[in-house]
C-alpha atoms as a PDB file:
ATOM      1  CA  UNK A   1     205.376 207.231 101.600  1.00  0.00           C
ATOM      2  CA  UNK A   2     207.762 208.433 104.374  1.00  0.00           C
ATOM      3  CA  UNK A   3     204.825 209.342 106.631  1.00  0.00           C
ATOM      4  CA  UNK A   4     203.394 205.814 106.211  1.00  0.00           C
ATOM      5  CA  UNK A   5     206.747 204.337 107.217  1.00  0.00           C
ATOM      6  CA  UNK A   6     206.963 206.657 110.213  1.00  0.00           C
ATOM      7  CA  UNK A   7     203.404 205.697 111.248  1.00  0.00           C
ATOM      8  CA  UNK A   8     204.260 201.991 111.060  1.00  0.00           C
ATOM      9  CA  UNK A   9     207.469 202.464 113.101  1.00  0.00           C
ATOM     10  CA  UNK A  10     205.434 204.281 115.742  1.00  0.00           C
ATOM     11  CA  UNK A  11     202.581 201.780 115.676  1.00  0.00           C
ATOM     12  CA  UNK A  12     204.998 198.851 116.028  1.00  0.00           C
ATOM     13  CA  UNK A  13     206.932 200.699 118.668  1.00  0.00           C
ATOM     14  CA  UNK A  14     210.426 200.149 117.188  1.00  0.00           C
ATOM     15  CA  UNK A  15     212.750 202.242 119.368  1.00  0.00           C
ATOM     16  CA  UNK A  16     215.779 201.206 117.322  1.00  0.00           C
ATOM     17  CA  UNK A  17     214.489 203.460 114.533  1.00  0.00           C
ATOM     18  CA  UNK A  18     214.751 206.638 116.638  1.00  0.00           C
ATOM     19  CA  UNK A  19     218.074 207.688 114.971  1.00  0.00           C
ATOM     20  CA  UNK A  20     216.389 207.381 111.541  1.00  0.00           C
ATOM     21  CA  UNK A  21     213.385 209.337 112.796  1.00  0.00           C
ATOM     22  CA  UNK A  22     215.677 212.139 114.002  1.00  0.00           C
ATOM     23  CA  UNK A  23     217.190 212.166 110.540  1.00  0.00           C
ATOM     24  CA  UNK A  24     213.673 212.345 109.029  1.00  0.00           C
ATOM     25  CA  UNK A  25     213.002 215.323 111.247  1.00  0.00           C
ATOM     26  CA  UNK A  26     215.395 217.195 108.970  1.00  0.00           C
ATOM     27  CA  UNK A  27     213.470 216.299 105.774  1.00  0.00           C
ATOM     28  CA  UNK A  28     212.596 219.058 103.366  1.00  0.00           C
ATOM     29  CA  UNK A  29     208.886 218.161 103.639  1.00  0.00           C
ATOM     30  CA  UNK A  30     207.250 219.730 106.718  1.00  0.00           C
ATOM     31  CA  UNK A  31     204.710 216.883 106.989  1.00  0.00           C
ATOM     32  CA  UNK A  32     207.521 214.343 107.223  1.00  0.00           C
ATOM     33  CA  UNK A  33     209.380 216.472 109.791  1.00  0.00           C
ATOM     34  CA  UNK A  34     206.357 216.840 112.022  1.00  0.00           C
ATOM     35  CA  UNK A  35     205.488 213.105 111.771  1.00  0.00           C
ATOM     36  CA  UNK A  36     209.080 212.162 112.641  1.00  0.00           C
ATOM     37  CA  UNK A  37     209.160 214.422 115.703  1.00  0.00           C
ATOM     38  CA  UNK A  38     205.841 213.001 116.880  1.00  0.00           C
ATOM     39  CA  UNK A  39     207.245 209.496 116.459  1.00  0.00           C
ATOM     40  CA  UNK A  40     210.324 210.394 118.498  1.00  0.00           C
ATOM     41  CA  UNK A  41     207.918 211.738 121.130  1.00  0.00           C
ATOM     42  CA  UNK A  42     206.351 208.328 121.390  1.00  0.00           C
ATOM     43  CA  UNK A  43     209.535 206.213 121.172  1.00  0.00           C
ATOM     44  CA  UNK A  44     212.410 208.370 122.346  1.00  0.00           C
ATOM     45  CA  UNK A  45     214.052 208.564 125.697  1.00  0.00           C
ATOM     46  CA  UNK A  46     216.103 211.044 127.633  1.00  0.00           C
ATOM     47  CA  UNK A  47     218.996 210.444 125.249  1.00  0.00           C
ATOM     48  CA  UNK A  48     217.057 212.174 122.532  1.00  0.00           C
ATOM     49  CA  UNK A  49     216.395 215.263 124.586  1.00  0.00           C
ATOM     50  CA  UNK A  50     219.363 217.299 123.162  1.00  0.00           C
ATOM     51  CA  UNK A  51     218.220 216.589 119.586  1.00  0.00           C
ATOM     52  CA  UNK A  52     214.615 217.460 120.436  1.00  0.00           C
ATOM     53  CA  UNK A  53     215.681 220.735 122.036  1.00  0.00           C
ATOM     54  CA  UNK A  54     217.662 221.567 118.926  1.00  0.00           C
ATOM     55  CA  UNK A  55     214.592 220.798 116.788  1.00  0.00           C
ATOM     56  CA  UNK A  56     212.525 223.023 119.057  1.00  0.00           C
ATOM     57  CA  UNK A  57     214.920 225.922 118.698  1.00  0.00           C
ATOM     58  CA  UNK A  58     215.249 225.514 114.958  1.00  0.00           C
ATOM     59  CA  UNK A  59     211.571 224.915 114.255  1.00  0.00           C
ATOM     60  CA  UNK A  60     210.520 226.406 110.914  1.00  0.00           C
ATOM     61  CA  UNK A  61     206.766 226.473 111.492  1.00  0.00           C
ATOM     62  CA  UNK A  62     204.168 226.408 114.220  1.00  0.00           C
ATOM     63  CA  UNK A  63     203.347 222.717 113.691  1.00  0.00           C
ATOM     64  CA  UNK A  64     207.014 221.813 113.989  1.00  0.00           C
ATOM     65  CA  UNK A  65     207.521 223.854 117.133  1.00  0.00           C
ATOM     66  CA  UNK A  66     204.363 222.426 118.719  1.00  0.00           C
ATOM     67  CA  UNK A  67     205.495 218.865 117.856  1.00  0.00           C
ATOM     68  CA  UNK A  68     208.918 219.520 119.365  1.00  0.00           C
ATOM     69  CA  UNK A  69     207.466 221.063 122.477  1.00  0.00           C
ATOM     70  CA  UNK A  70     205.157 218.074 122.919  1.00  0.00           C
ATOM     71  CA  UNK A  71     208.063 215.677 122.317  1.00  0.00           C
ATOM     72  CA  UNK A  72     210.288 217.361 124.927  1.00  0.00           C
ATOM     73  CA  UNK A  73     207.440 217.254 127.408  1.00  0.00           C
ATOM     74  CA  UNK A  74     206.639 213.600 126.683  1.00  0.00           C
ATOM     75  CA  UNK A  75     210.243 212.489 127.088  1.00  0.00           C
ATOM     76  CA  UNK A  76     210.674 214.420 130.335  1.00  0.00           C
ATOM     77  CA  UNK A  77     207.361 213.141 131.744  1.00  0.00           C
ATOM     78  CA  UNK A  78     208.273 209.571 130.855  1.00  0.00           C
ATOM     79  CA  UNK A  79     211.602 209.991 132.626  1.00  0.00           C
ATOM     80  CA  UNK A  80     209.918 211.512 135.674  1.00  0.00           C
ATOM     81  CA  UNK A  81     207.500 208.621 135.883  1.00  0.00           C
ATOM     82  CA  UNK A  82     210.374 206.104 135.720  1.00  0.00           C
ATOM     83  CA  UNK A  83     212.268 207.908 138.469  1.00  0.00           C
ATOM     84  CA  UNK A  84     209.131 208.091 140.647  1.00  0.00           C
ATOM     85  CA  UNK A  85     208.454 204.397 140.088  1.00  0.00           C
ATOM     86  CA  UNK A  86     212.028 203.408 140.942  1.00  0.00           C
ATOM     87  CA  UNK A  87     211.905 205.481 144.114  1.00  0.00           C
ATOM     88  CA  UNK A  88     208.732 203.650 145.202  1.00  0.00           C
ATOM     89  CA  UNK A  89     210.437 200.286 145.082  1.00  0.00           C
END
């Protein structure tokens, strides 16, 4: 059930749920943790970068570490695009 909720939050793009997703990234179930990190990747901003880096460093499995790496990259790339766009204006 938690993975379904995470999928719906991501699909509906509800950024206000990012704190709850970061909490879910600490769940005992690896599937939930990975889904939560992937959702933060899609919805999070630069403010989530410290938490994502912590998740990357504390990853317990390859899927978790890969999800955290991807999330860090996605957040940084999104920020870079925003900065580039604002410089073009």
